[in-house]
Every structure is written in structure tokens, then in C-alpha cells.
Amino acid sequence: MEHPWWRLLWNDRREAVFDIALVVGLHVFVWTLGRLYPEVSSPESYDWIGGLWLADVLNTAFGIGLLVRRRYPMWLLWPAAAVSVAQALLIQFGPGPFMQVNLPSDPWAPGLTPLILYAAVVYQRRSRGLMWVLIGVVTAVCLRPWTFPDADTVLGGALWSIVPILLGLSALGLRDRAERAEREQELRAAQARADERARLAVEMHDVVTHRINLMVLQAGALAVAGEDPAVRRAADELRASGSQALAELRDLVGVLRRSETDPQEDRAETPESPPDLDELVAESQAVGMSVEYTVDGAAGPVTAAVARTAYRVVQEGLTNAHKHAPGAHVDVRVRYGDDRVRVLVRNTATDGPREHADSGGGVGLLGLQQRVELVGGTFRSGPVDGGPEGAGGFEVEAVLPGYVPTEESADA
């Protein structure tokens, strides 16, 4: 995306309007002074080298140069220092016709020097050592201590150089304090979000865990007291699913509540085995799906939160393929790196009947993305082969860190 034209020199339109109005106003002001006091700029007081023409060109050039003072303040400071030194040399040592040129006597610096010095102090970010050297040169020319100046000369030189420097330092301090206050506000907002997230995690843990525990206990009691083998088997499966849900809930709550400021937590969790996806793939193959499962790299240990997230990525990918692309071929690939686990589920196009697109509403993928990002991973899903979802193939990919600390693991 291309930036608007004013972004080349200004951050927003207000800066552009102000700077253009400033330059136009300065030129109008100088033109008005020339008309009100014509004797000051009388052509008869200039010799053949064109002093009036040269002064007008320099003032106009510096005035237009003020448009770039925010982005390139050194482009103005260098010429200002050079012109100041040149004027001082001409006034002090210029022979013959140069001495007849009506060069300014107090101070010996361009008329826009205060604005140039102020801009250099406020907007120059790099090479500030060189900047202060050039500012010192201009200030010395304005004060010209080698001529043993009188009080009026020193006062005029100070107003021309020292005052804008002090104003620039004051503005710079105000800007730094404003930026620091903004950063502190962002930190306070982030801390408030973290506190709210921890509070919600505790509340979710207390409420949901209580209900699931009741379900697990009731399922266990039914498995023991039930007379029908099918009922006992279903109760055992329900109890196992509830226990797994409790473990996953503890992992997610632990991720939500973990402290990002305590480095000791990074060594608290004991790594577990890689996610076991063979059974999940076998279940899909048992219902008639064409699934190919490949593993690349050495399957190193990962933490429980990462293992369960990888499991959910594959589960969601296979479920979507079964619902939206029946009869399609599905590739499940897991690649292990030094500190990353990459999971990819991709299905080809299908010619069979698909479920209506609104059957899931995309909530499963959205929740999966939030879960992956919660453990510090990246998630991507979308159609492949240039076709719409299902018709041209679809893939789900997640890149997960090998290790994610949780508060429960740190307490352990």
C-alpha cells in the first residue's frame, strides 16, 4: 500500500498544513517589511555582486527548506552553519567590494536561524554529536566572542541562538515525558488485561471443573453399578472423556494464568511424549476416509499443552474433511524441529455431496486458532488449489512451540 504524498515529509495533514502556512507566512512577512521599510533594502546600497539578490535567494531557499525540517533537519543546519561562517569571514576579512555589501551586522547568521536550530534539537534523532558541533559553530558566530561584543550584541546573539536551543530542549523533554506516559499507560492496560484474564481463568476453572467432576463421578458410579455391559462401557468412555477434558482444562487455565515475568517458570514443566495421533488417524480410516499420516524429524518431547493442541488441530482437520469433503484424500503431516512442531492437515478436492457451509459456521476453526495462539503458536487455514472450500481442497496448518509453561506445571 502506497503512502499519501504528505507522508514523505509529514506524519499527518495537520503538520503539512502548518508547515506550508509557516513558509508562506514568513515570505509574506519579509515582503511586507520590504514594502514598509524600503530604505533598509535599497538597491543603491548594494554593489555589483548582487548582495540584495543573493540575500533574497538565501532567505527563500531557507524558507522553502523549512518544509523538510521535520524529516531532514541536518539538511538545513549544515547550510546555516556554512552561511554563518561565510558571513563572519566576509565581514571580518572581506576586501574591496565584499566590504561594501550590506551584510547583516547583528547577528551574523541567516534570518531563519532560530527556526533551524529549534528543528535540529527537536527532530534530529541520529548523529546528535555532529549536530551539537554545528549548533556550537552557529552560536559562536551569533555571539562572536572574539570581537569583545557589547551587551546589545550578546543579547541579540543569545536571542538568535541560545533561546531557540533552550526551547527545543524543553519541547524535547515534554515529548519524552509524553511518550513515557503513553508507554506506562499501555503497560497498565496490558496489566489490567492480564489481571482480568487471570480472574476469568480462575472463575472458569472453578465453575467448569466442578461440573465436569460431578459428571466423571456419576459416570464412574454408573460403570460400577450398571448391570448392562453396554451401559458400563458407555459410562467408562464418558468417565475417560471427562477426565481428559479436565486435564485439558487445567492446561488451558494454566496457560492463561502463567506469569510472563518470572523466568523460573520456563524450567518448571516436565516435558512429555509427543502427541499420539496414530489412534486418531486409525479412527478416521475405520470409517472409510483415505488418510495418509507422515512424520518428519525426530519426535522430541513436548509439553502437555502443546501435545493436546496438536491433537486438536488434527482432530479438527479430519472432522472438517469428513463433513465438507467426503471421499477426498487427506494428508496429515507432523514435522518436528529443534523447538517447533508443525502440524498440517490437507484434503484434496471432492466430487461427493458436502454438508451445507453453515453447518459449522467456522466456529471450530476460530476456536482452534485462538487455542493455537494461546500457547504461542501460529495458525493458518484456507482453500488450496485455487478453489473454494471443499471444492478445491482445504488445509489447516499450525506451528506450535515445543514448550509452553503453565501455572499448574510451575506449582508442581
Protein backbone atom coordinates (compact mmCIF):
# COMPACT_ATOMS: atom_id res chain seq x y z
CA MET A 1 0.00 0.00 0.00
CA GLU A 2 1.45 3.36 -1.05
CA HIS A 3 1.54 6.15 1.49
CA PRO A 4 -0.13 9.51 0.75
CA TRP A 5 2.14 12.17 -0.65
CA TRP A 6 2.39 14.13 2.60
CA ARG A 7 3.81 11.09 4.42
CA LEU A 8 7.11 11.71 2.61
CA LEU A 9 7.71 14.78 4.81
CA TRP A 10 4.99 14.82 7.47
CA ASN A 11 3.19 12.35 9.70
CA ASP A 12 -0.28 13.79 9.12
CA ARG A 13 -2.17 16.51 7.30
CA ARG A 14 -2.05 18.93 10.21
CA GLU A 15 1.75 19.03 10.13
CA ALA A 16 1.66 19.61 6.38
CA VAL A 17 -0.84 22.47 6.65
CA PHE A 18 1.11 24.10 9.49
CA ASP A 19 4.48 23.90 7.73
CA ILE A 20 3.15 25.22 4.43
CA ALA A 21 1.35 28.06 6.22
CA LEU A 22 4.56 28.83 8.15
CA VAL A 23 6.67 29.10 4.99
CA VAL A 24 4.08 31.20 3.17
CA GLY A 25 3.62 33.41 6.22
CA LEU A 26 7.37 34.02 6.57
CA HIS A 27 7.67 35.04 2.93
CA VAL A 28 4.68 37.35 3.22
CA PHE A 29 6.17 38.84 6.39
CA VAL A 30 9.54 39.55 4.72
CA TRP A 31 7.81 41.00 1.65
CA THR A 32 5.68 43.26 3.89
CA LEU A 33 8.74 44.53 5.80
CA GLY A 34 10.43 45.35 2.49
CA ARG A 35 7.47 47.44 1.46
CA LEU A 36 7.11 49.19 4.85
CA TYR A 37 10.84 49.96 5.17
CA PRO A 38 12.20 50.31 1.63
CA GLU A 39 15.29 52.20 2.76
CA VAL A 40 16.63 49.06 4.51
CA SER A 41 16.75 47.07 1.30
CA SER A 42 17.54 49.90 -1.10
CA PRO A 43 19.35 48.62 -4.22
CA GLU A 44 21.70 51.60 -4.09
CA SER A 45 23.35 50.16 -1.00
CA TYR A 46 24.45 47.00 -2.86
CA ASP A 47 27.37 46.72 -5.23
CA TRP A 48 27.83 44.81 -8.47
CA ILE A 49 28.00 41.32 -6.89
CA GLY A 50 24.26 41.47 -6.27
CA GLY A 51 24.07 41.41 -2.49
CA LEU A 52 20.31 42.00 -2.45
CA TRP A 53 19.72 39.23 -4.97
CA LEU A 54 21.96 36.83 -3.03
CA ALA A 55 20.28 37.60 0.29
CA ASP A 56 16.82 37.09 -1.22
CA VAL A 57 17.86 33.76 -2.76
CA LEU A 58 19.31 32.51 0.54
CA ASN A 59 16.27 33.57 2.56
CA THR A 60 13.92 31.99 0.04
CA ALA A 61 15.94 28.77 -0.03
CA PHE A 62 15.99 28.51 3.75
CA GLY A 63 12.28 29.31 3.89
CA ILE A 64 11.40 26.53 1.47
CA GLY A 65 13.84 24.25 3.26
CA LEU A 66 11.74 24.57 6.41
CA LEU A 67 9.31 22.15 4.77
CA VAL A 68 11.79 19.31 5.33
CA ARG A 69 12.92 20.32 8.80
CA ARG A 70 10.93 17.52 10.50
CA ARG A 71 12.46 14.69 8.44
CA TYR A 72 15.83 16.14 7.46
CA PRO A 73 16.85 18.86 9.96
CA MET A 74 20.54 18.43 9.16
CA TRP A 75 19.88 19.48 5.57
CA LEU A 76 19.13 22.94 6.97
CA LEU A 77 21.67 23.03 9.77
CA TRP A 78 24.67 22.40 7.51
CA PRO A 79 23.90 25.33 5.12
CA ALA A 80 23.01 27.58 8.05
CA ALA A 81 26.39 26.91 9.68
CA ALA A 82 28.22 27.38 6.37
CA VAL A 83 26.47 30.68 5.58
CA SER A 84 27.07 31.95 9.13
CA VAL A 85 30.81 31.24 8.90
CA ALA A 86 30.97 32.74 5.39
CA GLN A 87 29.24 35.94 6.52
CA ALA A 88 31.57 36.25 9.50
CA LEU A 89 34.63 35.83 7.28
CA LEU A 90 33.33 38.35 4.73
CA ILE A 91 32.55 40.95 7.38
CA GLN A 92 35.86 40.49 9.18
CA PHE A 93 38.28 39.92 6.32
CA GLY A 94 36.45 40.55 3.02
CA PRO A 95 38.48 43.01 0.89
CA GLY A 96 37.27 45.56 -1.59
CA PRO A 97 33.77 45.09 -2.97
CA PHE A 98 32.84 42.48 -0.37
CA MET A 99 33.13 45.07 2.40
CA GLN A 100 30.57 47.24 0.60
CA VAL A 101 27.92 44.55 0.61
CA ASN A 102 25.18 45.33 3.12
CA LEU A 103 25.57 42.09 5.09
CA PRO A 104 23.75 41.90 8.42
CA SER A 105 25.82 43.09 11.33
CA ASP A 106 23.82 41.68 14.25
CA PRO A 107 23.72 38.73 14.31
CA TRP A 108 25.91 37.25 11.60
CA ALA A 109 23.55 34.38 10.75
CA PRO A 110 20.65 33.72 8.33
CA GLY A 111 17.31 35.20 9.28
CA LEU A 112 15.68 31.80 9.86
CA THR A 113 18.45 30.50 12.11
CA PRO A 114 16.22 30.30 15.26
CA LEU A 115 13.75 28.01 13.49
CA ILE A 116 16.57 25.90 12.07
CA LEU A 117 18.26 25.44 15.46
CA TYR A 118 14.95 24.59 17.12
CA ALA A 119 14.15 21.99 14.45
CA ALA A 120 17.60 20.39 14.76
CA VAL A 121 17.31 19.98 18.53
CA VAL A 122 13.75 18.59 18.41
CA TYR A 123 13.73 16.41 15.29
CA GLN A 124 17.29 15.14 14.82
CA ARG A 125 17.48 11.55 16.08
CA ARG A 126 20.89 10.37 14.90
CA SER A 127 24.33 11.98 14.72
CA ARG A 128 23.46 14.33 17.55
CA GLY A 129 27.13 14.81 18.34
CA LEU A 130 27.71 16.37 14.91
CA MET A 131 24.50 18.33 15.34
CA TRP A 132 25.77 19.94 18.54
CA VAL A 133 29.07 20.81 16.86
CA LEU A 134 27.25 22.67 14.08
CA ILE A 135 24.97 24.35 16.60
CA GLY A 136 28.04 25.46 18.54
CA VAL A 137 29.51 26.98 15.37
CA VAL A 138 26.33 28.94 14.64
CA THR A 139 26.04 30.07 18.27
CA ALA A 140 29.67 31.26 18.28
CA VAL A 141 29.08 33.28 15.11
CA CYS A 142 25.97 34.86 16.63
CA LEU A 143 27.76 35.78 19.87
CA ARG A 144 31.20 36.39 18.19
CA PRO A 145 33.20 36.49 21.43
CA TRP A 146 36.47 37.20 19.56
CA THR A 147 35.28 40.80 18.88
CA PHE A 148 34.66 41.60 22.56
CA PRO A 149 30.98 42.40 21.83
CA ASP A 150 28.86 44.80 23.78
CA ALA A 151 25.76 43.88 25.76
CA ASP A 152 23.37 44.51 22.85
CA THR A 153 25.32 42.18 20.57
CA VAL A 154 25.44 39.43 23.18
CA LEU A 155 21.73 39.83 23.91
CA GLY A 156 20.84 39.72 20.21
CA GLY A 157 23.05 36.69 19.59
CA ALA A 158 21.59 34.87 22.59
CA LEU A 159 18.02 35.53 21.41
CA TRP A 160 19.03 34.35 17.93
CA SER A 161 20.71 31.09 19.02
CA ILE A 162 20.60 30.15 22.72
CA VAL A 163 16.90 30.84 23.28
CA PRO A 164 15.67 28.57 20.42
CA ILE A 165 18.06 25.86 21.61
CA LEU A 166 16.60 26.02 25.13
CA LEU A 167 13.08 26.00 23.71
CA GLY A 168 13.96 22.92 21.63
CA LEU A 169 15.36 21.10 24.66
CA SER A 170 12.21 21.94 26.62
CA ALA A 171 10.00 20.64 23.80
CA LEU A 172 12.14 17.52 23.55
CA GLY A 173 11.73 16.87 27.26
CA LEU A 174 7.97 17.33 27.02
CA ARG A 175 7.81 14.89 24.11
CA ASP A 176 9.88 12.31 26.00
CA ARG A 177 7.64 12.62 29.04
CA ALA A 178 4.54 12.26 26.84
CA GLU A 179 5.97 9.13 25.19
CA ARG A 180 6.93 7.70 28.56
CA ALA A 181 3.44 8.39 29.91
CA GLU A 182 1.95 6.68 26.85
CA ARG A 183 4.15 3.63 27.35
CA GLU A 184 3.21 3.49 31.01
CA GLN A 185 -0.46 3.71 30.05
CA GLU A 186 -0.02 0.81 27.63
CA LEU A 187 1.72 -1.23 30.33
CA ARG A 188 -1.08 -0.50 32.78
CA ALA A 189 -3.67 -1.51 30.20
CA ALA A 190 -1.75 -4.74 29.46
CA GLN A 191 -1.52 -5.49 33.17
CA ALA A 192 -5.24 -4.87 33.56
CA ARG A 193 -5.97 -7.26 30.70
CA ALA A 194 -3.68 -9.87 32.25
CA ASP A 195 -5.39 -9.50 35.62
CA GLU A 196 -8.81 -9.82 34.03
CA ARG A 197 -7.67 -12.85 32.06
CA ALA A 198 -6.38 -14.48 35.24
CA ARG A 199 -9.62 -13.70 37.06
CA LEU A 200 -11.71 -15.21 34.25
CA ALA A 201 -9.43 -18.25 34.16
CA VAL A 202 -9.90 -18.85 37.87
CA GLU A 203 -13.66 -18.42 37.59
CA MET A 204 -13.85 -20.75 34.59
CA HIS A 205 -11.69 -23.30 36.36
CA ASP A 206 -13.84 -23.26 39.49
CA VAL A 207 -17.19 -23.46 37.72
CA VAL A 208 -16.44 -25.84 34.85
CA THR A 209 -14.18 -28.14 36.84
CA HIS A 210 -16.86 -28.61 39.46
CA ARG A 211 -19.45 -29.62 36.88
CA ILE A 212 -17.16 -31.95 34.98
CA ASN A 213 -16.02 -33.59 38.19
CA LEU A 214 -19.63 -34.36 39.03
CA MET A 215 -20.09 -35.87 35.57
CA VAL A 216 -16.96 -38.02 35.98
CA LEU A 217 -18.05 -39.24 39.43
CA GLN A 218 -21.53 -40.06 38.22
CA ALA A 219 -20.14 -41.89 35.18
CA GLY A 220 -17.80 -43.88 37.43
CA ALA A 221 -20.66 -44.81 39.73
CA LEU A 222 -22.75 -45.88 36.76
CA ALA A 223 -19.89 -48.00 35.41
CA VAL A 224 -19.65 -49.80 38.75
CA ALA A 225 -23.36 -50.20 39.50
CA GLY A 226 -24.68 -50.70 35.99
CA GLU A 227 -25.88 -54.16 35.02
CA ASP A 228 -25.92 -53.76 31.25
CA PRO A 229 -22.41 -54.22 29.75
CA ALA A 230 -23.17 -51.61 27.07
CA VAL A 231 -24.15 -49.10 29.75
CA ARG A 232 -20.99 -49.80 31.75
CA ARG A 233 -18.89 -49.47 28.62
CA ALA A 234 -20.52 -46.15 27.72
CA ALA A 235 -20.07 -44.94 31.30
CA ASP A 236 -16.37 -45.82 31.18
CA GLU A 237 -15.97 -43.90 27.94
CA LEU A 238 -17.82 -40.93 29.41
CA ARG A 239 -15.60 -41.01 32.51
CA ALA A 240 -12.45 -41.19 30.36
CA SER A 241 -13.62 -38.29 28.20
CA GLY A 242 -14.42 -36.24 31.29
CA SER A 243 -11.01 -36.93 32.79
CA GLN A 244 -9.33 -35.89 29.57
CA ALA A 245 -11.44 -32.72 29.44
CA LEU A 246 -10.35 -31.89 32.99
CA ALA A 247 -6.69 -32.32 32.05
CA GLU A 248 -7.08 -30.10 29.01
CA LEU A 249 -8.94 -27.51 31.04
CA ARG A 250 -6.13 -27.42 33.59
CA ASP A 251 -3.62 -26.90 30.79
CA LEU A 252 -5.56 -24.02 29.24
CA VAL A 253 -6.22 -22.35 32.57
CA GLY A 254 -2.55 -22.73 33.44
CA VAL A 255 -1.56 -21.02 30.18
CA LEU A 256 -3.99 -18.20 30.90
CA ARG A 257 -2.67 -17.73 34.42
CA ARG A 258 1.03 -18.15 33.78
CA SER A 259 3.28 -15.25 34.64
CA GLU A 260 5.27 -13.80 31.75
CA THR A 261 7.69 -12.05 34.06
CA ASP A 262 9.09 -14.93 36.09
CA PRO A 263 11.84 -16.72 34.16
CA GLN A 264 11.89 -19.56 36.70
CA GLU A 265 8.64 -20.88 35.25
CA ASP A 266 10.42 -21.63 31.99
CA ARG A 267 12.18 -24.54 33.69
CA ALA A 268 9.27 -25.82 35.77
CA GLU A 269 7.40 -28.14 33.44
CA THR A 270 8.45 -31.68 32.75
CA PRO A 271 8.30 -32.49 29.03
CA GLU A 272 6.00 -35.27 27.94
CA SER A 273 5.86 -37.59 24.97
CA PRO A 274 4.89 -36.32 21.52
CA PRO A 275 1.19 -36.32 20.66
CA ASP A 276 -0.08 -39.79 19.76
CA LEU A 277 -2.02 -39.30 16.54
CA ASP A 278 -1.97 -42.90 15.30
CA GLU A 279 -5.21 -43.78 17.07
CA LEU A 280 -6.91 -40.63 15.80
CA VAL A 281 -5.89 -41.38 12.20
CA ALA A 282 -6.91 -45.02 12.60
CA GLU A 283 -10.38 -43.98 13.73
CA SER A 284 -10.82 -41.88 10.59
CA GLN A 285 -9.56 -44.70 8.39
CA ALA A 286 -12.00 -47.08 10.07
CA VAL A 287 -14.97 -45.02 8.86
CA GLY A 288 -13.75 -45.11 5.27
CA MET A 289 -11.61 -41.99 4.97
CA SER A 290 -8.44 -42.09 2.88
CA VAL A 291 -5.86 -40.72 5.30
CA GLU A 292 -2.08 -40.72 4.93
CA TYR A 293 -0.08 -39.95 8.06
CA THR A 294 3.61 -38.97 7.86
CA VAL A 295 6.07 -37.78 10.48
CA ASP A 296 9.23 -35.83 9.64
CA GLY A 297 12.10 -35.25 12.01
CA ALA A 298 12.93 -36.67 15.39
CA ALA A 299 9.90 -36.66 17.65
CA GLY A 300 11.27 -34.93 20.71
CA PRO A 301 9.43 -34.38 23.99
CA VAL A 302 6.84 -31.61 24.12
CA THR A 303 4.74 -30.22 26.94
CA ALA A 304 1.22 -31.39 27.59
CA ALA A 305 -0.44 -28.19 26.39
CA VAL A 306 1.35 -28.41 23.05
CA ALA A 307 0.60 -32.13 22.65
CA ARG A 308 -3.11 -31.63 23.23
CA THR A 309 -3.23 -28.59 20.93
CA ALA A 310 -1.58 -30.57 18.13
CA TYR A 311 -4.08 -33.35 18.72
CA ARG A 312 -6.97 -30.89 18.43
CA VAL A 313 -5.57 -29.44 15.18
CA VAL A 314 -5.51 -32.88 13.56
CA GLN A 315 -8.89 -33.77 15.01
CA GLU A 316 -10.49 -30.59 13.68
CA GLY A 317 -8.87 -31.04 10.27
CA LEU A 318 -10.10 -34.62 9.94
CA THR A 319 -13.58 -33.68 11.15
CA ASN A 320 -13.86 -30.87 8.59
CA ALA A 321 -12.62 -33.15 5.82
CA HIS A 322 -15.20 -35.77 6.76
CA LYS A 323 -18.00 -33.20 6.87
CA HIS A 324 -17.17 -30.98 3.92
CA ALA A 325 -15.11 -33.21 1.61
CA PRO A 326 -16.38 -36.79 1.79
CA GLY A 327 -14.36 -39.18 -0.34
CA ALA A 328 -11.37 -36.83 -0.54
CA HIS A 329 -7.83 -37.92 0.24
CA VAL A 330 -6.41 -36.39 3.43
CA ASP A 331 -2.72 -35.86 4.21
CA VAL A 332 -1.72 -35.48 7.86
CA ARG A 333 1.86 -34.35 8.30
CA VAL A 334 3.73 -33.65 11.52
CA ARG A 335 7.21 -32.16 11.34
CA TYR A 336 9.40 -31.85 14.43
CA GLY A 337 12.12 -29.21 14.67
CA ASP A 338 14.50 -28.17 17.36
CA ASP A 339 11.90 -26.12 19.21
CA ARG A 340 8.83 -26.25 16.95
CA VAL A 341 6.11 -28.70 15.97
CA ARG A 342 4.43 -28.13 12.60
CA VAL A 343 1.08 -29.82 12.01
CA LEU A 344 -0.58 -29.83 8.58
CA VAL A 345 -3.90 -31.42 7.55
CA ARG A 346 -4.76 -31.08 3.87
CA ASN A 347 -7.58 -32.67 1.90
CA THR A 348 -7.94 -32.83 -1.86
CA ALA A 349 -10.99 -31.82 -3.88
CA THR A 350 -14.14 -33.91 -3.73
CA ASP A 351 -16.99 -34.62 -6.09
CA GLY A 352 -19.26 -36.07 -3.44
CA PRO A 353 -22.09 -34.31 -1.62
CA ARG A 354 -20.93 -31.94 1.06
CA GLU A 355 -22.62 -30.63 4.17
CA HIS A 356 -24.05 -27.18 3.98
CA ALA A 357 -21.45 -24.46 4.60
CA ASP A 358 -23.46 -23.07 7.51
CA SER A 359 -23.41 -26.32 9.45
CA GLY A 360 -20.35 -25.30 11.39
CA GLY A 361 -20.26 -21.57 10.86
CA GLY A 362 -16.47 -21.56 11.09
CA VAL A 363 -16.63 -21.58 14.88
CA GLY A 364 -14.44 -24.68 15.15
CA LEU A 365 -11.60 -23.13 13.15
CA LEU A 366 -11.91 -19.85 15.03
CA GLY A 367 -11.73 -21.59 18.37
CA LEU A 368 -8.83 -23.69 17.14
CA GLN A 369 -6.97 -20.56 16.04
CA GLN A 370 -7.49 -18.96 19.43
CA ARG A 371 -6.26 -22.10 21.15
CA VAL A 372 -3.12 -22.27 19.00
CA GLU A 373 -2.35 -18.59 19.57
CA LEU A 374 -2.96 -19.04 23.28
CA VAL A 375 0.03 -21.40 23.54
CA GLY A 376 2.19 -19.06 21.44
CA GLY A 377 1.77 -20.72 18.04
CA THR A 378 0.64 -19.54 14.61
CA PHE A 379 -2.43 -20.84 12.79
CA ARG A 380 -3.47 -20.77 9.15
CA SER A 381 -6.43 -22.28 7.32
CA GLY A 382 -7.87 -21.82 3.87
CA PRO A 383 -8.62 -23.33 0.48
CA VAL A 384 -5.90 -24.72 -1.76
CA ASP A 385 -5.62 -25.47 -5.48
CA GLY A 386 -7.33 -22.19 -6.27
CA GLY A 387 -10.81 -23.44 -5.42
CA PRO A 388 -13.38 -22.63 -2.77
CA GLU A 389 -13.51 -24.51 0.49
CA GLY A 390 -14.13 -28.20 -0.12
CA ALA A 391 -14.42 -27.88 -3.91
CA GLY A 392 -10.74 -27.17 -4.48
CA GLY A 393 -9.22 -28.67 -1.37
CA PHE A 394 -8.62 -27.22 2.06
CA GLU A 395 -5.78 -27.20 4.56
CA VAL A 396 -5.24 -26.43 8.21
CA GLU A 397 -1.74 -25.68 9.47
CA ALA A 398 -0.39 -24.86 12.91
CA VAL A 399 3.16 -24.16 14.04
CA LEU A 400 3.48 -24.77 17.77
CA PRO A 401 6.33 -24.14 20.20
CA GLY A 402 7.81 -27.26 21.73
CA TYR A 403 7.45 -25.86 25.21
CA VAL A 404 4.75 -23.76 26.87
CA PRO A 405 4.89 -23.10 30.62
CA THR A 406 1.71 -23.22 32.67
CA GLU A 407 0.99 -22.14 36.19
CA GLU A 408 0.00 -25.64 37.23
CA SER A 409 3.27 -27.05 35.95
CA ALA A 410 5.21 -24.37 37.78
CA ASP A 411 3.38 -25.17 41.02
CA ALA A 412 4.22 -28.83 40.52
